[in-house]
Amino acid sequence: MADRYLTVAQVAELLGTTERFPRRLIAERRIAFVRVGRHVRIPESALNAFIDANTVQPISHRRSSLRRAA
């Protein structure tokens, strides 16, 4: 299946941020991107990989550790 290439504006909308954030990711080489002439595109698979790599899983607490002494 062919990968979809997203604009900076599309990536910002998907992440719920301004365009400045994906541009900073590109400038700092923290996300894979493709240059098409002077345009920059981010493969959807690279965006998904970035999200997966930065997802923090919740800590599961045991019930006994949540009790407090009165």
N, C-alpha and C. Protein backbone atom coordinates (compact mmCIF):
# COMPACT_ATOMS: atom_id res chain seq x y z
N MET A 1 0.84 -1.19 0.00
CA MET A 1 0.00 0.00 0.00
C MET A 1 0.88 1.24 0.00
N ALA A 2 0.55 2.22 -0.82
CA ALA A 2 1.33 3.44 -0.92
C ALA A 2 1.13 4.32 0.31
N ASP A 3 2.20 4.96 0.72
CA ASP A 3 2.16 5.85 1.87
C ASP A 3 1.60 7.21 1.45
N ARG A 4 0.78 7.80 2.30
CA ARG A 4 0.26 9.14 2.04
C ARG A 4 1.26 10.16 2.55
N TYR A 5 1.49 11.22 1.80
CA TYR A 5 2.42 12.27 2.19
C TYR A 5 1.61 13.48 2.63
N LEU A 6 1.89 13.95 3.85
CA LEU A 6 1.11 15.02 4.46
C LEU A 6 1.88 16.33 4.45
N THR A 7 1.15 17.43 4.32
CA THR A 7 1.76 18.75 4.42
C THR A 7 1.99 19.07 5.89
N VAL A 8 2.75 20.11 6.15
CA VAL A 8 3.00 20.54 7.52
C VAL A 8 1.67 20.94 8.17
N ALA A 9 0.81 21.60 7.43
CA ALA A 9 -0.49 22.01 7.97
C ALA A 9 -1.35 20.80 8.34
N GLN A 10 -1.33 19.76 7.52
CA GLN A 10 -2.10 18.56 7.81
C GLN A 10 -1.56 17.85 9.06
N VAL A 11 -0.25 17.80 9.19
CA VAL A 11 0.36 17.17 10.36
C VAL A 11 0.00 17.96 11.62
N ALA A 12 0.07 19.28 11.53
CA ALA A 12 -0.28 20.12 12.67
C ALA A 12 -1.73 19.90 13.09
N GLU A 13 -2.62 19.79 12.12
CA GLU A 13 -4.03 19.56 12.43
C GLU A 13 -4.24 18.19 13.09
N LEU A 14 -3.57 17.16 12.57
CA LEU A 14 -3.70 15.82 13.15
C LEU A 14 -3.16 15.77 14.59
N LEU A 15 -2.08 16.51 14.85
CA LEU A 15 -1.49 16.54 16.19
C LEU A 15 -2.19 17.52 17.12
N GLY A 16 -3.01 18.40 16.56
CA GLY A 16 -3.69 19.40 17.38
C GLY A 16 -2.76 20.50 17.84
N THR A 17 -1.79 20.85 16.99
CA THR A 17 -0.82 21.89 17.33
C THR A 17 -0.81 22.96 16.24
N THR A 18 0.04 23.94 16.41
CA THR A 18 0.25 24.93 15.36
C THR A 18 1.25 24.36 14.36
N GLU A 19 1.43 25.01 13.24
CA GLU A 19 2.38 24.55 12.22
C GLU A 19 3.82 24.66 12.70
N ARG A 20 4.04 25.46 13.70
CA ARG A 20 5.40 25.65 14.21
C ARG A 20 5.99 24.36 14.77
N PHE A 21 5.15 23.54 15.43
CA PHE A 21 5.65 22.32 16.05
C PHE A 21 6.18 21.32 15.02
N PRO A 22 5.41 20.95 13.97
CA PRO A 22 5.99 20.03 12.99
C PRO A 22 7.19 20.62 12.26
N ARG A 23 7.20 21.93 12.05
CA ARG A 23 8.38 22.56 11.42
C ARG A 23 9.61 22.43 12.30
N ARG A 24 9.41 22.52 13.62
CA ARG A 24 10.54 22.36 14.54
C ARG A 24 11.02 20.91 14.54
N LEU A 25 10.08 19.95 14.48
CA LEU A 25 10.46 18.54 14.39
C LEU A 25 11.31 18.29 13.15
N ILE A 26 10.95 18.92 12.05
CA ILE A 26 11.70 18.78 10.80
C ILE A 26 13.08 19.42 10.94
N ALA A 27 13.12 20.63 11.48
CA ALA A 27 14.40 21.36 11.62
C ALA A 27 15.37 20.61 12.53
N GLU A 28 14.84 19.97 13.57
CA GLU A 28 15.68 19.23 14.52
C GLU A 28 15.91 17.78 14.09
N ARG A 29 15.38 17.41 12.91
CA ARG A 29 15.51 16.06 12.35
C ARG A 29 14.97 15.00 13.31
N ARG A 30 13.85 15.31 13.98
CA ARG A 30 13.23 14.38 14.92
C ARG A 30 12.14 13.55 14.26
N ILE A 31 11.81 13.86 13.00
CA ILE A 31 10.81 13.11 12.25
C ILE A 31 11.29 12.99 10.81
N ALA A 32 10.99 11.86 10.19
CA ALA A 32 11.39 11.65 8.79
C ALA A 32 10.53 12.54 7.89
N PHE A 33 11.14 13.09 6.85
CA PHE A 33 10.40 13.93 5.92
C PHE A 33 10.98 13.81 4.53
N VAL A 34 10.24 14.29 3.55
CA VAL A 34 10.66 14.23 2.15
C VAL A 34 10.59 15.64 1.58
N ARG A 35 11.63 16.02 0.87
CA ARG A 35 11.61 17.30 0.18
C ARG A 35 11.18 17.07 -1.26
N VAL A 36 10.17 17.83 -1.69
CA VAL A 36 9.70 17.80 -3.07
C VAL A 36 9.92 19.22 -3.58
N GLY A 37 11.08 19.42 -4.20
CA GLY A 37 11.45 20.79 -4.56
C GLY A 37 11.68 21.57 -3.29
N ARG A 38 10.96 22.66 -3.13
CA ARG A 38 11.09 23.43 -1.89
C ARG A 38 10.00 23.09 -0.88
N HIS A 39 9.12 22.17 -1.24
CA HIS A 39 8.04 21.74 -0.36
C HIS A 39 8.50 20.59 0.52
N VAL A 40 7.93 20.51 1.70
CA VAL A 40 8.26 19.44 2.64
C VAL A 40 7.01 18.61 2.88
N ARG A 41 7.16 17.30 2.82
CA ARG A 41 6.06 16.39 3.08
C ARG A 41 6.50 15.36 4.11
N ILE A 42 5.57 14.96 4.96
CA ILE A 42 5.86 13.98 5.99
C ILE A 42 5.04 12.73 5.69
N PRO A 43 5.71 11.58 5.51
CA PRO A 43 4.96 10.34 5.26
C PRO A 43 4.08 10.01 6.47
N GLU A 44 2.88 9.54 6.19
CA GLU A 44 1.96 9.20 7.27
C GLU A 44 2.56 8.12 8.17
N SER A 45 3.32 7.21 7.61
CA SER A 45 3.96 6.16 8.42
C SER A 45 4.99 6.77 9.38
N ALA A 46 5.69 7.82 8.96
CA ALA A 46 6.67 8.49 9.82
C ALA A 46 5.95 9.20 10.97
N LEU A 47 4.81 9.80 10.68
CA LEU A 47 4.03 10.46 11.73
C LEU A 47 3.54 9.43 12.74
N ASN A 48 3.02 8.30 12.26
CA ASN A 48 2.56 7.24 13.16
C ASN A 48 3.71 6.68 14.00
N ALA A 49 4.88 6.52 13.40
CA ALA A 49 6.05 6.03 14.14
C ALA A 49 6.47 7.04 15.21
N PHE A 50 6.42 8.33 14.89
CA PHE A 50 6.76 9.38 15.85
C PHE A 50 5.80 9.35 17.03
N ILE A 51 4.51 9.21 16.73
CA ILE A 51 3.50 9.16 17.79
C ILE A 51 3.71 7.92 18.66
N ASP A 52 3.95 6.77 18.04
CA ASP A 52 4.17 5.53 18.79
C ASP A 52 5.41 5.63 19.68
N ALA A 53 6.48 6.22 19.16
CA ALA A 53 7.72 6.33 19.92
C ALA A 53 7.60 7.29 21.10
N ASN A 54 6.67 8.22 21.03
CA ASN A 54 6.52 9.21 22.09
C ASN A 54 5.28 9.00 22.95
N THR A 55 4.63 7.87 22.80
CA THR A 55 3.46 7.57 23.60
C THR A 55 3.91 7.01 24.94
N VAL A 56 3.40 7.58 26.01
CA VAL A 56 3.74 7.16 27.37
C VAL A 56 2.59 6.31 27.89
N GLN A 57 2.92 5.11 28.30
CA GLN A 57 1.91 4.19 28.82
C GLN A 57 1.62 4.51 30.28
N PRO A 58 0.38 4.34 30.73
CA PRO A 58 0.05 4.62 32.13
C PRO A 58 0.66 3.57 33.05
N ILE A 59 0.90 3.98 34.27
CA ILE A 59 1.43 3.08 35.29
C ILE A 59 0.24 2.44 35.99
N SER A 60 0.27 1.13 36.11
CA SER A 60 -0.83 0.46 36.82
C SER A 60 -0.46 0.37 38.30
N HIS A 61 -1.36 0.82 39.14
CA HIS A 61 -1.13 0.81 40.58
C HIS A 61 -1.81 -0.40 41.19
N ARG A 62 -1.15 -0.97 42.16
CA ARG A 62 -1.79 -2.04 42.92
C ARG A 62 -2.70 -1.39 43.95
N ARG A 63 -3.80 -2.04 44.23
CA ARG A 63 -4.77 -1.47 45.18
C ARG A 63 -4.16 -1.23 46.55
N SER A 64 -3.31 -2.12 47.02
CA SER A 64 -2.75 -1.97 48.37
C SER A 64 -1.88 -0.73 48.48
N SER A 65 -1.25 -0.30 47.38
CA SER A 65 -0.39 0.88 47.44
C SER A 65 -1.19 2.17 47.43
N LEU A 66 -2.48 2.08 47.12
CA LEU A 66 -3.31 3.29 47.08
C LEU A 66 -3.96 3.59 48.42
N ARG A 67 -3.93 2.65 49.35
CA ARG A 67 -4.54 2.88 50.66
C ARG A 67 -3.64 3.75 51.51
N ARG A 68 -4.27 4.57 52.29
CA ARG A 68 -3.51 5.44 53.20
C ARG A 68 -3.93 5.16 54.64
N ALA A 69 -3.00 5.31 55.52
CA ALA A 69 -3.30 5.14 56.94
C ALA A 69 -4.05 6.37 57.43
N ALA A 70 -5.01 6.15 58.32
CA ALA A 70 -5.81 7.27 58.84
C ALA A 70 -5.14 7.92 60.00
